[in-house]
PDBML (XML) file of the C-alpha atoms, coordinates in Angstrom:
<?xml version="1.0" encoding="UTF-8" ?>
<PDBx:datablock datablockName="MODEL"
   xmlns:PDBx="http://pdbml.pdb.org/schema/pdbx-v50.xsd"
   xmlns:xsi="http://www.w3.org/2001/XMLSchema-instance"
   xsi:schemaLocation="http://pdbml.pdb.org/schema/pdbx-v50.xsd pdbx-v50.xsd">
   <PDBx:atom_siteCategory>
      <PDBx:atom_site id="1">
         <PDBx:B_iso_or_equiv>0.00</PDBx:B_iso_or_equiv>
         <PDBx:Cartn_x>111.720</PDBx:Cartn_x>
         <PDBx:Cartn_y>86.064</PDBx:Cartn_y>
         <PDBx:Cartn_z>95.409</PDBx:Cartn_z>
         <PDBx:auth_asym_id>A</PDBx:auth_asym_id>
         <PDBx:auth_atom_id>CA</PDBx:auth_atom_id>
         <PDBx:auth_comp_id>UNK</PDBx:auth_comp_id>
         <PDBx:auth_seq_id>1</PDBx:auth_seq_id>
         <PDBx:group_PDB>ATOM</PDBx:group_PDB>
         <PDBx:label_alt_id xsi:nil="true" />
         <PDBx:label_asym_id>A</PDBx:label_asym_id>
         <PDBx:label_atom_id>CA</PDBx:label_atom_id>
         <PDBx:label_comp_id>UNK</PDBx:label_comp_id>
         <PDBx:label_entity_id>1</PDBx:label_entity_id>
         <PDBx:label_seq_id>1</PDBx:label_seq_id>
         <PDBx:occupancy>1.00</PDBx:occupancy>
         <PDBx:pdbx_PDB_model_num>1</PDBx:pdbx_PDB_model_num>
         <PDBx:type_symbol>C</PDBx:type_symbol>
      </PDBx:atom_site>
      <PDBx:atom_site id="2">
         <PDBx:B_iso_or_equiv>0.00</PDBx:B_iso_or_equiv>
         <PDBx:Cartn_x>108.508</PDBx:Cartn_x>
         <PDBx:Cartn_y>84.929</PDBx:Cartn_y>
         <PDBx:Cartn_z>96.933</PDBx:Cartn_z>
         <PDBx:auth_asym_id>A</PDBx:auth_asym_id>
         <PDBx:auth_atom_id>CA</PDBx:auth_atom_id>
         <PDBx:auth_comp_id>UNK</PDBx:auth_comp_id>
         <PDBx:auth_seq_id>2</PDBx:auth_seq_id>
         <PDBx:group_PDB>ATOM</PDBx:group_PDB>
         <PDBx:label_alt_id xsi:nil="true" />
         <PDBx:label_asym_id>A</PDBx:label_asym_id>
         <PDBx:label_atom_id>CA</PDBx:label_atom_id>
         <PDBx:label_comp_id>UNK</PDBx:label_comp_id>
         <PDBx:label_entity_id>1</PDBx:label_entity_id>
         <PDBx:label_seq_id>2</PDBx:label_seq_id>
         <PDBx:occupancy>1.00</PDBx:occupancy>
         <PDBx:pdbx_PDB_model_num>1</PDBx:pdbx_PDB_model_num>
         <PDBx:type_symbol>C</PDBx:type_symbol>
      </PDBx:atom_site>
      <PDBx:atom_site id="3">
         <PDBx:B_iso_or_equiv>0.00</PDBx:B_iso_or_equiv>
         <PDBx:Cartn_x>108.374</PDBx:Cartn_x>
         <PDBx:Cartn_y>82.325</PDBx:Cartn_y>
         <PDBx:Cartn_z>93.969</PDBx:Cartn_z>
         <PDBx:auth_asym_id>A</PDBx:auth_asym_id>
         <PDBx:auth_atom_id>CA</PDBx:auth_atom_id>
         <PDBx:auth_comp_id>UNK</PDBx:auth_comp_id>
         <PDBx:auth_seq_id>3</PDBx:auth_seq_id>
         <PDBx:group_PDB>ATOM</PDBx:group_PDB>
         <PDBx:label_alt_id xsi:nil="true" />
         <PDBx:label_asym_id>A</PDBx:label_asym_id>
         <PDBx:label_atom_id>CA</PDBx:label_atom_id>
         <PDBx:label_comp_id>UNK</PDBx:label_comp_id>
         <PDBx:label_entity_id>1</PDBx:label_entity_id>
         <PDBx:label_seq_id>3</PDBx:label_seq_id>
         <PDBx:occupancy>1.00</PDBx:occupancy>
         <PDBx:pdbx_PDB_model_num>1</PDBx:pdbx_PDB_model_num>
         <PDBx:type_symbol>C</PDBx:type_symbol>
      </PDBx:atom_site>
      <PDBx:atom_site id="4">
         <PDBx:B_iso_or_equiv>0.00</PDBx:B_iso_or_equiv>
         <PDBx:Cartn_x>108.074</PDBx:Cartn_x>
         <PDBx:Cartn_y>81.927</PDBx:Cartn_y>
         <PDBx:Cartn_z>90.116</PDBx:Cartn_z>
         <PDBx:auth_asym_id>A</PDBx:auth_asym_id>
         <PDBx:auth_atom_id>CA</PDBx:auth_atom_id>
         <PDBx:auth_comp_id>UNK</PDBx:auth_comp_id>
         <PDBx:auth_seq_id>4</PDBx:auth_seq_id>
         <PDBx:group_PDB>ATOM</PDBx:group_PDB>
         <PDBx:label_alt_id xsi:nil="true" />
         <PDBx:label_asym_id>A</PDBx:label_asym_id>
         <PDBx:label_atom_id>CA</PDBx:label_atom_id>
         <PDBx:label_comp_id>UNK</PDBx:label_comp_id>
         <PDBx:label_entity_id>1</PDBx:label_entity_id>
         <PDBx:label_seq_id>4</PDBx:label_seq_id>
         <PDBx:occupancy>1.00</PDBx:occupancy>
         <PDBx:pdbx_PDB_model_num>1</PDBx:pdbx_PDB_model_num>
         <PDBx:type_symbol>C</PDBx:type_symbol>
      </PDBx:atom_site>
      <PDBx:atom_site id="5">
         <PDBx:B_iso_or_equiv>0.00</PDBx:B_iso_or_equiv>
         <PDBx:Cartn_x>109.758</PDBx:Cartn_x>
         <PDBx:Cartn_y>84.757</PDBx:Cartn_y>
         <PDBx:Cartn_z>90.145</PDBx:Cartn_z>
         <PDBx:auth_asym_id>A</PDBx:auth_asym_id>
         <PDBx:auth_atom_id>CA</PDBx:auth_atom_id>
         <PDBx:auth_comp_id>UNK</PDBx:auth_comp_id>
         <PDBx:auth_seq_id>5</PDBx:auth_seq_id>
         <PDBx:group_PDB>ATOM</PDBx:group_PDB>
         <PDBx:label_alt_id xsi:nil="true" />
         <PDBx:label_asym_id>A</PDBx:label_asym_id>
         <PDBx:label_atom_id>CA</PDBx:label_atom_id>
         <PDBx:label_comp_id>UNK</PDBx:label_comp_id>
         <PDBx:label_entity_id>1</PDBx:label_entity_id>
         <PDBx:label_seq_id>5</PDBx:label_seq_id>
         <PDBx:occupancy>1.00</PDBx:occupancy>
         <PDBx:pdbx_PDB_model_num>1</PDBx:pdbx_PDB_model_num>
         <PDBx:type_symbol>C</PDBx:type_symbol>
      </PDBx:atom_site>
      <PDBx:atom_site id="6">
         <PDBx:B_iso_or_equiv>0.00</PDBx:B_iso_or_equiv>
         <PDBx:Cartn_x>107.405</PDBx:Cartn_x>
         <PDBx:Cartn_y>86.812</PDBx:Cartn_y>
         <PDBx:Cartn_z>91.978</PDBx:Cartn_z>
         <PDBx:auth_asym_id>A</PDBx:auth_asym_id>
         <PDBx:auth_atom_id>CA</PDBx:auth_atom_id>
         <PDBx:auth_comp_id>UNK</PDBx:auth_comp_id>
         <PDBx:auth_seq_id>6</PDBx:auth_seq_id>
         <PDBx:group_PDB>ATOM</PDBx:group_PDB>
         <PDBx:label_alt_id xsi:nil="true" />
         <PDBx:label_asym_id>A</PDBx:label_asym_id>
         <PDBx:label_atom_id>CA</PDBx:label_atom_id>
         <PDBx:label_comp_id>UNK</PDBx:label_comp_id>
         <PDBx:label_entity_id>1</PDBx:label_entity_id>
         <PDBx:label_seq_id>6</PDBx:label_seq_id>
         <PDBx:occupancy>1.00</PDBx:occupancy>
         <PDBx:pdbx_PDB_model_num>1</PDBx:pdbx_PDB_model_num>
         <PDBx:type_symbol>C</PDBx:type_symbol>
      </PDBx:atom_site>
      <PDBx:atom_site id="7">
         <PDBx:B_iso_or_equiv>0.00</PDBx:B_iso_or_equiv>
         <PDBx:Cartn_x>109.565</PDBx:Cartn_x>
         <PDBx:Cartn_y>89.705</PDBx:Cartn_y>
         <PDBx:Cartn_z>93.422</PDBx:Cartn_z>
         <PDBx:auth_asym_id>A</PDBx:auth_asym_id>
         <PDBx:auth_atom_id>CA</PDBx:auth_atom_id>
         <PDBx:auth_comp_id>UNK</PDBx:auth_comp_id>
         <PDBx:auth_seq_id>7</PDBx:auth_seq_id>
         <PDBx:group_PDB>ATOM</PDBx:group_PDB>
         <PDBx:label_alt_id xsi:nil="true" />
         <PDBx:label_asym_id>A</PDBx:label_asym_id>
         <PDBx:label_atom_id>CA</PDBx:label_atom_id>
         <PDBx:label_comp_id>UNK</PDBx:label_comp_id>
         <PDBx:label_entity_id>1</PDBx:label_entity_id>
         <PDBx:label_seq_id>7</PDBx:label_seq_id>
         <PDBx:occupancy>1.00</PDBx:occupancy>
         <PDBx:pdbx_PDB_model_num>1</PDBx:pdbx_PDB_model_num>
         <PDBx:type_symbol>C</PDBx:type_symbol>
      </PDBx:atom_site>
      <PDBx:atom_site id="8">
         <PDBx:B_iso_or_equiv>0.00</PDBx:B_iso_or_equiv>
         <PDBx:Cartn_x>108.829</PDBx:Cartn_x>
         <PDBx:Cartn_y>91.896</PDBx:Cartn_y>
         <PDBx:Cartn_z>96.713</PDBx:Cartn_z>
         <PDBx:auth_asym_id>A</PDBx:auth_asym_id>
         <PDBx:auth_atom_id>CA</PDBx:auth_atom_id>
         <PDBx:auth_comp_id>UNK</PDBx:auth_comp_id>
         <PDBx:auth_seq_id>8</PDBx:auth_seq_id>
         <PDBx:group_PDB>ATOM</PDBx:group_PDB>
         <PDBx:label_alt_id xsi:nil="true" />
         <PDBx:label_asym_id>A</PDBx:label_asym_id>
         <PDBx:label_atom_id>CA</PDBx:label_atom_id>
         <PDBx:label_comp_id>UNK</PDBx:label_comp_id>
         <PDBx:label_entity_id>1</PDBx:label_entity_id>
         <PDBx:label_seq_id>8</PDBx:label_seq_id>
         <PDBx:occupancy>1.00</PDBx:occupancy>
         <PDBx:pdbx_PDB_model_num>1</PDBx:pdbx_PDB_model_num>
         <PDBx:type_symbol>C</PDBx:type_symbol>
      </PDBx:atom_site>
      <PDBx:atom_site id="9">
         <PDBx:B_iso_or_equiv>0.00</PDBx:B_iso_or_equiv>
         <PDBx:Cartn_x>110.401</PDBx:Cartn_x>
         <PDBx:Cartn_y>94.565</PDBx:Cartn_y>
         <PDBx:Cartn_z>97.949</PDBx:Cartn_z>
         <PDBx:auth_asym_id>A</PDBx:auth_asym_id>
         <PDBx:auth_atom_id>CA</PDBx:auth_atom_id>
         <PDBx:auth_comp_id>UNK</PDBx:auth_comp_id>
         <PDBx:auth_seq_id>9</PDBx:auth_seq_id>
         <PDBx:group_PDB>ATOM</PDBx:group_PDB>
         <PDBx:label_alt_id xsi:nil="true" />
         <PDBx:label_asym_id>A</PDBx:label_asym_id>
         <PDBx:label_atom_id>CA</PDBx:label_atom_id>
         <PDBx:label_comp_id>UNK</PDBx:label_comp_id>
         <PDBx:label_entity_id>1</PDBx:label_entity_id>
         <PDBx:label_seq_id>9</PDBx:label_seq_id>
         <PDBx:occupancy>1.00</PDBx:occupancy>
         <PDBx:pdbx_PDB_model_num>1</PDBx:pdbx_PDB_model_num>
         <PDBx:type_symbol>C</PDBx:type_symbol>
      </PDBx:atom_site>
      <PDBx:atom_site id="10">
         <PDBx:B_iso_or_equiv>0.00</PDBx:B_iso_or_equiv>
         <PDBx:Cartn_x>111.846</PDBx:Cartn_x>
         <PDBx:Cartn_y>94.001</PDBx:Cartn_y>
         <PDBx:Cartn_z>101.556</PDBx:Cartn_z>
         <PDBx:auth_asym_id>A</PDBx:auth_asym_id>
         <PDBx:auth_atom_id>CA</PDBx:auth_atom_id>
         <PDBx:auth_comp_id>UNK</PDBx:auth_comp_id>
         <PDBx:auth_seq_id>10</PDBx:auth_seq_id>
         <PDBx:group_PDB>ATOM</PDBx:group_PDB>
         <PDBx:label_alt_id xsi:nil="true" />
         <PDBx:label_asym_id>A</PDBx:label_asym_id>
         <PDBx:label_atom_id>CA</PDBx:label_atom_id>
         <PDBx:label_comp_id>UNK</PDBx:label_comp_id>
         <PDBx:label_entity_id>1</PDBx:label_entity_id>
         <PDBx:label_seq_id>10</PDBx:label_seq_id>
         <PDBx:occupancy>1.00</PDBx:occupancy>
         <PDBx:pdbx_PDB_model_num>1</PDBx:pdbx_PDB_model_num>
         <PDBx:type_symbol>C</PDBx:type_symbol>
      </PDBx:atom_site>
      <PDBx:atom_site id="11">
         <PDBx:B_iso_or_equiv>0.00</PDBx:B_iso_or_equiv>
         <PDBx:Cartn_x>113.709</PDBx:Cartn_x>
         <PDBx:Cartn_y>96.588</PDBx:Cartn_y>
         <PDBx:Cartn_z>104.041</PDBx:Cartn_z>
         <PDBx:auth_asym_id>A</PDBx:auth_asym_id>
         <PDBx:auth_atom_id>CA</PDBx:auth_atom_id>
         <PDBx:auth_comp_id>UNK</PDBx:auth_comp_id>
         <PDBx:auth_seq_id>11</PDBx:auth_seq_id>
         <PDBx:group_PDB>ATOM</PDBx:group_PDB>
         <PDBx:label_alt_id xsi:nil="true" />
         <PDBx:label_asym_id>A</PDBx:label_asym_id>
         <PDBx:label_atom_id>CA</PDBx:label_atom_id>
         <PDBx:label_comp_id>UNK</PDBx:label_comp_id>
         <PDBx:label_entity_id>1</PDBx:label_entity_id>
         <PDBx:label_seq_id>11</PDBx:label_seq_id>
         <PDBx:occupancy>1.00</PDBx:occupancy>
         <PDBx:pdbx_PDB_model_num>1</PDBx:pdbx_PDB_model_num>
         <PDBx:type_symbol>C</PDBx:type_symbol>
      </PDBx:atom_site>
      <PDBx:atom_site id="12">
         <PDBx:B_iso_or_equiv>0.00</PDBx:B_iso_or_equiv>
         <PDBx:Cartn_x>115.612</PDBx:Cartn_x>
         <PDBx:Cartn_y>94.547</PDBx:Cartn_y>
         <PDBx:Cartn_z>106.191</PDBx:Cartn_z>
         <PDBx:auth_asym_id>A</PDBx:auth_asym_id>
         <PDBx:auth_atom_id>CA</PDBx:auth_atom_id>
         <PDBx:auth_comp_id>UNK</PDBx:auth_comp_id>
         <PDBx:auth_seq_id>12</PDBx:auth_seq_id>
         <PDBx:group_PDB>ATOM</PDBx:group_PDB>
         <PDBx:label_alt_id xsi:nil="true" />
         <PDBx:label_asym_id>A</PDBx:label_asym_id>
         <PDBx:label_atom_id>CA</PDBx:label_atom_id>
         <PDBx:label_comp_id>UNK</PDBx:label_comp_id>
         <PDBx:label_entity_id>1</PDBx:label_entity_id>
         <PDBx:label_seq_id>12</PDBx:label_seq_id>
         <PDBx:occupancy>1.00</PDBx:occupancy>
         <PDBx:pdbx_PDB_model_num>1</PDBx:pdbx_PDB_model_num>
         <PDBx:type_symbol>C</PDBx:type_symbol>
      </PDBx:atom_site>
      <PDBx:atom_site id="13">
         <PDBx:B_iso_or_equiv>0.00</PDBx:B_iso_or_equiv>
         <PDBx:Cartn_x>116.285</PDBx:Cartn_x>
         <PDBx:Cartn_y>96.914</PDBx:Cartn_y>
         <PDBx:Cartn_z>109.790</PDBx:Cartn_z>
         <PDBx:auth_asym_id>A</PDBx:auth_asym_id>
         <PDBx:auth_atom_id>CA</PDBx:auth_atom_id>
         <PDBx:auth_comp_id>UNK</PDBx:auth_comp_id>
         <PDBx:auth_seq_id>13</PDBx:auth_seq_id>
         <PDBx:group_PDB>ATOM</PDBx:group_PDB>
         <PDBx:label_alt_id xsi:nil="true" />
         <PDBx:label_asym_id>A</PDBx:label_asym_id>
         <PDBx:label_atom_id>CA</PDBx:label_atom_id>
         <PDBx:label_comp_id>UNK</PDBx:label_comp_id>
         <PDBx:label_entity_id>1</PDBx:label_entity_id>
         <PDBx:label_seq_id>13</PDBx:label_seq_id>
         <PDBx:occupancy>1.00</PDBx:occupancy>
         <PDBx:pdbx_PDB_model_num>1</PDBx:pdbx_PDB_model_num>
         <PDBx:type_symbol>C</PDBx:type_symbol>
      </PDBx:atom_site>
      <PDBx:atom_site id="14">
         <PDBx:B_iso_or_equiv>0.00</PDBx:B_iso_or_equiv>
         <PDBx:Cartn_x>119.471</PDBx:Cartn_x>
         <PDBx:Cartn_y>94.895</PDBx:Cartn_y>
         <PDBx:Cartn_z>110.910</PDBx:Cartn_z>
         <PDBx:auth_asym_id>A</PDBx:auth_asym_id>
         <PDBx:auth_atom_id>CA</PDBx:auth_atom_id>
         <PDBx:auth_comp_id>UNK</PDBx:auth_comp_id>
         <PDBx:auth_seq_id>14</PDBx:auth_seq_id>
         <PDBx:group_PDB>ATOM</PDBx:group_PDB>
         <PDBx:label_alt_id xsi:nil="true" />
         <PDBx:label_asym_id>A</PDBx:label_asym_id>
         <PDBx:label_atom_id>CA</PDBx:label_atom_id>
         <PDBx:label_comp_id>UNK</PDBx:label_comp_id>
         <PDBx:label_entity_id>1</PDBx:label_entity_id>
         <PDBx:label_seq_id>14</PDBx:label_seq_id>
         <PDBx:occupancy>1.00</PDBx:occupancy>
         <PDBx:pdbx_PDB_model_num>1</PDBx:pdbx_PDB_model_num>
         <PDBx:type_symbol>C</PDBx:type_symbol>
      </PDBx:atom_site>
      <PDBx:atom_site id="15">
         <PDBx:B_iso_or_equiv>0.00</PDBx:B_iso_or_equiv>
         <PDBx:Cartn_x>121.262</PDBx:Cartn_x>
         <PDBx:Cartn_y>93.389</PDBx:Cartn_y>
         <PDBx:Cartn_z>108.484</PDBx:Cartn_z>
         <PDBx:auth_asym_id>A</PDBx:auth_asym_id>
         <PDBx:auth_atom_id>CA</PDBx:auth_atom_id>
         <PDBx:auth_comp_id>UNK</PDBx:auth_comp_id>
         <PDBx:auth_seq_id>15</PDBx:auth_seq_id>
         <PDBx:group_PDB>ATOM</PDBx:group_PDB>
         <PDBx:label_alt_id xsi:nil="true" />
         <PDBx:label_asym_id>A</PDBx:label_asym_id>
         <PDBx:label_atom_id>CA</PDBx:label_atom_id>
         <PDBx:label_comp_id>UNK</PDBx:label_comp_id>
         <PDBx:label_entity_id>1</PDBx:label_entity_id>
         <PDBx:label_seq_id>15</PDBx:label_seq_id>
         <PDBx:occupancy>1.00</PDBx:occupancy>
         <PDBx:pdbx_PDB_model_num>1</PDBx:pdbx_PDB_model_num>
         <PDBx:type_symbol>C</PDBx:type_symbol>
      </PDBx:atom_site>
      <PDBx:atom_site id="16">
         <PDBx:B_iso_or_equiv>0.00</PDBx:B_iso_or_equiv>
         <PDBx:Cartn_x>124.074</PDBx:Cartn_x>
         <PDBx:Cartn_y>92.195</PDBx:Cartn_y>
         <PDBx:Cartn_z>111.110</PDBx:Cartn_z>
         <PDBx:auth_asym_id>A</PDBx:auth_asym_id>
         <PDBx:auth_atom_id>CA</PDBx:auth_atom_id>
         <PDBx:auth_comp_id>UNK</PDBx:auth_comp_id>
         <PDBx:auth_seq_id>16</PDBx:auth_seq_id>
         <PDBx:group_PDB>ATOM</PDBx:group_PDB>
         <PDBx:label_alt_id xsi:nil="true" />
         <PDBx:label_asym_id>A</PDBx:label_asym_id>
         <PDBx:label_atom_id>CA</PDBx:label_atom_id>
         <PDBx:label_comp_id>UNK</PDBx:label_comp_id>
         <PDBx:label_entity_id>1</PDBx:label_entity_id>
         <PDBx:label_seq_id>16</PDBx:label_seq_id>
         <PDBx:occupancy>1.00</PDBx:occupancy>
         <PDBx:pdbx_PDB_model_num>1</PDBx:pdbx_PDB_model_num>
         <PDBx:type_symbol>C</PDBx:type_symbol>
      </PDBx:atom_site>
      <PDBx:atom_site id="17">
         <PDBx:B_iso_or_equiv>0.00</PDBx:B_iso_or_equiv>
         <PDBx:Cartn_x>122.583</PDBx:Cartn_x>
         <PDBx:Cartn_y>88.945</PDBx:Cartn_y>
         <PDBx:Cartn_z>111.626</PDBx:Cartn_z>
         <PDBx:auth_asym_id>A</PDBx:auth_asym_id>
         <PDBx:auth_atom_id>CA</PDBx:auth_atom_id>
         <PDBx:auth_comp_id>UNK</PDBx:auth_comp_id>
         <PDBx:auth_seq_id>17</PDBx:auth_seq_id>
         <PDBx:group_PDB>ATOM</PDBx:group_PDB>
         <PDBx:label_alt_id xsi:nil="true" />
         <PDBx:label_asym_id>A</PDBx:label_asym_id>
         <PDBx:label_atom_id>CA</PDBx:label_atom_id>
         <PDBx:label_comp_id>UNK</PDBx:label_comp_id>
         <PDBx:label_entity_id>1</PDBx:label_entity_id>
         <PDBx:label_seq_id>17</PDBx:label_seq_id>
         <PDBx:occupancy>1.00</PDBx:occupancy>
         <PDBx:pdbx_PDB_model_num>1</PDBx:pdbx_PDB_model_num>
         <PDBx:type_symbol>C</PDBx:type_symbol>
      </PDBx:atom_site>
      <PDBx:atom_site id="18">
         <PDBx:B_iso_or_equiv>0.00</PDBx:B_iso_or_equiv>
         <PDBx:Cartn_x>121.597</PDBx:Cartn_x>
         <PDBx:Cartn_y>86.699</PDBx:Cartn_y>
         <PDBx:Cartn_z>109.032</PDBx:Cartn_z>
         <PDBx:auth_asym_id>A</PDBx:auth_asym_id>
         <PDBx:auth_atom_id>CA</PDBx:auth_atom_id>
         <PDBx:auth_comp_id>UNK</PDBx:auth_comp_id>
         <PDBx:auth_seq_id>18</PDBx:auth_seq_id>
         <PDBx:group_PDB>ATOM</PDBx:group_PDB>
         <PDBx:label_alt_id xsi:nil="true" />
         <PDBx:label_asym_id>A</PDBx:label_asym_id>
         <PDBx:label_atom_id>CA</PDBx:label_atom_id>
         <PDBx:label_comp_id>UNK</PDBx:label_comp_id>
         <PDBx:label_entity_id>1</PDBx:label_entity_id>
         <PDBx:label_seq_id>18</PDBx:label_seq_id>
         <PDBx:occupancy>1.00</PDBx:occupancy>
         <PDBx:pdbx_PDB_model_num>1</PDBx:pdbx_PDB_model_num>
         <PDBx:type_symbol>C</PDBx:type_symbol>
      </PDBx:atom_site>
      <PDBx:atom_site id="19">
         <PDBx:B_iso_or_equiv>0.00</PDBx:B_iso_or_equiv>
         <PDBx:Cartn_x>120.186</PDBx:Cartn_x>
         <PDBx:Cartn_y>82.779</PDBx:Cartn_y>
         <PDBx:Cartn_z>108.934</PDBx:Cartn_z>
         <PDBx:auth_asym_id>A</PDBx:auth_asym_id>
         <PDBx:auth_atom_id>CA</PDBx:auth_atom_id>
         <PDBx:auth_comp_id>UNK</PDBx:auth_comp_id>
         <PDBx:auth_seq_id>19</PDBx:auth_seq_id>
         <PDBx:group_PDB>ATOM</PDBx:group_PDB>
         <PDBx:label_alt_id xsi:nil="true" />
         <PDBx:label_asym_id>A</PDBx:label_asym_id>
         <PDBx:label_atom_id>CA</PDBx:label_atom_id>
         <PDBx:label_comp_id>UNK</PDBx:label_comp_id>
         <PDBx:label_entity_id>1</PDBx:label_entity_id>
         <PDBx:label_seq_id>19</PDBx:label_seq_id>
         <PDBx:occupancy>1.00</PDBx:occupancy>
         <PDBx:pdbx_PDB_model_num>1</PDBx:pdbx_PDB_model_num>
         <PDBx:type_symbol>C</PDBx:type_symbol>
      </PDBx:atom_site>
      <PDBx:atom_site id="20">
         <PDBx:B_iso_or_equiv>0.00</PDBx:B_iso_or_equiv>
         <PDBx:Cartn_x>122.509</PDBx:Cartn_x>
         <PDBx:Cartn_y>80.785</PDBx:Cartn_y>
         <PDBx:Cartn_z>106.459</PDBx:Cartn_z>
         <PDBx:auth_asym_id>A</PDBx:auth_asym_id>
         <PDBx:auth_atom_id>CA</PDBx:auth_atom_id>
         <PDBx:auth_comp_id>UNK</PDBx:auth_comp_id>
         <PDBx:auth_seq_id>20</PDBx:auth_seq_id>
         <PDBx:group_PDB>ATOM</PDBx:group_PDB>
         <PDBx:label_alt_id xsi:nil="true" />
         <PDBx:label_asym_id>A</PDBx:label_asym_id>
         <PDBx:label_atom_id>CA</PDBx:label_atom_id>
         <PDBx:label_comp_id>UNK</PDBx:label_comp_id>
         <PDBx:label_entity_id>1</PDBx:label_entity_id>
         <PDBx:label_seq_id>20</PDBx:label_seq_id>
         <PDBx:occupancy>1.00</PDBx:occupancy>
         <PDBx:pdbx_PDB_model_num>1</PDBx:pdbx_PDB_model_num>
         <PDBx:type_symbol>C</PDBx:type_symbol>
      </PDBx:atom_site>
      <PDBx:atom_site id="21">
         <PDBx:B_iso_or_equiv>0.00</PDBx:B_iso_or_equiv>
         <PDBx:Cartn_x>121.379</PDBx:Cartn_x>
         <PDBx:Cartn_y>76.982</PDBx:Cartn_y>
         <PDBx:Cartn_z>105.345</PDBx:Cartn_z>
         <PDBx:auth_asym_id>A</PDBx:auth_asym_id>
         <PDBx:auth_atom_id>CA</PDBx:auth_atom_id>
         <PDBx:auth_comp_id>UNK</PDBx:auth_comp_id>
         <PDBx:auth_seq_id>21</PDBx:auth_seq_id>
         <PDBx:group_PDB>ATOM</PDBx:group_PDB>
         <PDBx:label_alt_id xsi:nil="true" />
         <PDBx:label_asym_id>A</PDBx:label_asym_id>
         <PDBx:label_atom_id>CA</PDBx:label_atom_id>
         <PDBx:label_comp_id>UNK</PDBx:label_comp_id>
         <PDBx:label_entity_id>1</PDBx:label_entity_id>
         <PDBx:label_seq_id>21</PDBx:label_seq_id>
         <PDBx:occupancy>1.00</PDBx:occupancy>
         <PDBx:pdbx_PDB_model_num>1</PDBx:pdbx_PDB_model_num>
         <PDBx:type_symbol>C</PDBx:type_symbol>
      </PDBx:atom_site>
      <PDBx:atom_site id="22">
         <PDBx:B_iso_or_equiv>0.00</PDBx:B_iso_or_equiv>
         <PDBx:Cartn_x>123.593</PDBx:Cartn_x>
         <PDBx:Cartn_y>74.686</PDBx:Cartn_y>
         <PDBx:Cartn_z>106.843</PDBx:Cartn_z>
         <PDBx:auth_asym_id>A</PDBx:auth_asym_id>
         <PDBx:auth_atom_id>CA</PDBx:auth_atom_id>
         <PDBx:auth_comp_id>UNK</PDBx:auth_comp_id>
         <PDBx:auth_seq_id>22</PDBx:auth_seq_id>
         <PDBx:group_PDB>ATOM</PDBx:group_PDB>
         <PDBx:label_alt_id xsi:nil="true" />
         <PDBx:label_asym_id>A</PDBx:label_asym_id>
         <PDBx:label_atom_id>CA</PDBx:label_atom_id>
         <PDBx:label_comp_id>UNK</PDBx:label_comp_id>
         <PDBx:label_entity_id>1</PDBx:label_entity_id>
         <PDBx:label_seq_id>22</PDBx:label_seq_id>
         <PDBx:occupancy>1.00</PDBx:occupancy>
         <PDBx:pdbx_PDB_model_num>1</PDBx:pdbx_PDB_model_num>
         <PDBx:type_symbol>C</PDBx:type_symbol>
      </PDBx:atom_site>
      <PDBx:atom_site id="23">
         <PDBx:B_iso_or_equiv>0.00</PDBx:B_iso_or_equiv>
         <PDBx:Cartn_x>122.109</PDBx:Cartn_x>
         <PDBx:Cartn_y>71.340</PDBx:Cartn_y>
         <PDBx:Cartn_z>105.625</PDBx:Cartn_z>
         <PDBx:auth_asym_id>A</PDBx:auth_asym_id>
         <PDBx:auth_atom_id>CA</PDBx:auth_atom_id>
         <PDBx:auth_comp_id>UNK</PDBx:auth_comp_id>
         <PDBx:auth_seq_id>23</PDBx:auth_seq_id>
         <PDBx:group_PDB>ATOM</PDBx:group_PDB>
         <PDBx:label_alt_id xsi:nil="true" />
         <PDBx:label_asym_id>A</PDBx:label_asym_id>
         <PDBx:label_atom_id>CA</PDBx:label_atom_id>
         <PDBx:label_comp_id>UNK</PDBx:label_comp_id>
         <PDBx:label_entity_id>1</PDBx:label_entity_id>
         <PDBx:label_seq_id>23</PDBx:label_seq_id>
         <PDBx:occupancy>1.00</PDBx:occupancy>
         <PDBx:pdbx_PDB_model_num>1</PDBx:pdbx_PDB_model_num>
         <PDBx:type_symbol>C</PDBx:type_symbol>
      </PDBx:atom_site>
      <PDBx:atom_site id="24">
         <PDBx:B_iso_or_equiv>0.00</PDBx:B_iso_or_equiv>
         <PDBx:Cartn_x>119.436</PDBx:Cartn_x>
         <PDBx:Cartn_y>69.105</PDBx:Cartn_y>
         <PDBx:Cartn_z>105.725</PDBx:Cartn_z>
         <PDBx:auth_asym_id>A</PDBx:auth_asym_id>
         <PDBx:auth_atom_id>CA</PDBx:auth_atom_id>
         <PDBx:auth_comp_id>UNK</PDBx:auth_comp_id>
         <PDBx:auth_seq_id>24</PDBx:auth_seq_id>
         <PDBx:group_PDB>ATOM</PDBx:group_PDB>
         <PDBx:label_alt_id xsi:nil="true" />
         <PDBx:label_asym_id>A</PDBx:label_asym_id>
         <PDBx:label_atom_id>CA</PDBx:label_atom_id>
         <PDBx:label_comp_id>UNK</PDBx:label_comp_id>
         <PDBx:label_entity_id>1</PDBx:label_entity_id>
         <PDBx:label_seq_id>24</PDBx:label_seq_id>
         <PDBx:occupancy>1.00</PDBx:occupancy>
         <PDBx:pdbx_PDB_model_num>1</PDBx:pdbx_PDB_model_num>
         <PDBx:type_symbol>C</PDBx:type_symbol>
      </PDBx:atom_site>
   </PDBx:atom_siteCategory>
</PDBx:datablock>
């Protein structure tokens, strides 16, 4: 979701690592 319900297709090469929101 790029915002305002506008979606694009994406491909993740390596889903073994992700970014997690930890706060602030």
